[in-house]
């Protein structure tokens, strides 16, 4: 049986976005335990939404890209 993967937006860096780099930094959790921290692009976030559903952290990262402000 597979565990549950969730995400939490840790920070958003508008300077990285301006340079064309992944700008959303998300913590990844497996069954509530932190397992990784990843920089993601909008494309990465959308792919993870397709795979893991409308996770709160992924949606917050998309919103951060839209707003373009530091988080």
Protein backbone atom coordinates (compact mmCIF):
# COMPACT_ATOMS: atom_id res chain seq x y z
CA UNK A 1 0.00 0.00 0.00
CA UNK A 2 1.36 3.40 -1.01
CA UNK A 3 1.66 6.26 1.42
CA UNK A 4 0.32 9.74 0.92
CA UNK A 5 2.49 12.45 -0.72
CA UNK A 6 1.81 16.10 0.16
CA UNK A 7 3.57 19.39 -0.54
CA UNK A 8 4.08 22.67 1.29
CA UNK A 9 5.26 25.88 -0.35
CA UNK A 10 8.37 26.89 1.56
CA UNK A 11 9.31 29.98 -0.44
CA UNK A 12 8.97 31.73 -3.77
CA UNK A 13 11.89 33.66 -5.24
CA UNK A 14 10.93 36.25 -7.89
CA UNK A 15 14.60 36.77 -8.85
CA UNK A 16 14.87 33.12 -9.84
CA UNK A 17 11.67 33.50 -11.88
CA UNK A 18 13.10 36.57 -13.65
CA UNK A 19 16.17 34.52 -14.62
CA UNK A 20 13.98 31.71 -15.97
CA UNK A 21 14.88 29.31 -13.15
CA UNK A 22 12.44 27.32 -11.02
CA UNK A 23 11.19 29.80 -8.45
CA UNK A 24 8.90 27.83 -6.12
CA UNK A 25 10.59 25.84 -3.39
CA UNK A 26 8.36 23.11 -2.01
CA UNK A 27 8.84 20.70 0.85
CA UNK A 28 7.69 17.17 0.05
CA UNK A 29 6.13 14.96 2.73
CA UNK A 30 5.42 11.23 2.74
CA UNK A 31 2.75 10.32 5.28
CA UNK A 32 3.44 13.59 7.09
CA UNK A 33 7.22 13.09 7.30
CA UNK A 34 9.50 15.44 5.33
CA UNK A 35 11.41 13.58 2.62
CA UNK A 36 12.65 16.23 0.19
CA UNK A 37 12.74 19.87 -0.81
CA UNK A 38 12.44 20.75 -4.51
CA UNK A 39 12.58 23.84 -6.70
CA UNK A 40 9.68 23.67 -9.17
CA UNK A 41 8.62 25.44 -12.34
CA UNK A 42 4.98 25.99 -13.28
CA UNK A 43 5.29 22.94 -15.54
CA UNK A 44 6.64 20.83 -12.66
CA UNK A 45 3.80 21.97 -10.41
CA UNK A 46 1.14 21.14 -13.01
CA UNK A 47 2.65 17.69 -13.59
CA UNK A 48 2.56 17.04 -9.84
CA UNK A 49 -1.06 18.21 -9.67
CA UNK A 50 -1.90 15.68 -12.40
CA UNK A 51 -0.14 12.94 -10.44
CA UNK A 52 -1.09 13.84 -6.85
CA UNK A 53 -4.25 15.93 -7.23
CA UNK A 54 -5.12 19.45 -6.09
CA UNK A 55 -2.70 19.51 -3.19
CA UNK A 56 -2.83 22.71 -1.10
CA UNK A 57 0.92 23.31 -1.36
CA UNK A 58 0.99 22.85 -5.13
CA UNK A 59 -1.93 25.23 -5.57
CA UNK A 60 -0.20 27.79 -3.32
CA UNK A 61 2.91 27.51 -5.52
CA UNK A 62 0.87 28.19 -8.66
CA UNK A 63 -0.67 31.23 -6.97
CA UNK A 64 2.81 32.45 -5.99
CA UNK A 65 3.85 32.30 -9.66
CA UNK A 66 0.78 34.37 -10.59
CA UNK A 67 1.46 36.98 -7.90
CA UNK A 68 5.22 36.99 -8.47
CA UNK A 69 5.98 38.10 -4.91
CA UNK A 70 8.37 36.63 -2.35
CA UNK A 71 6.86 34.11 0.00
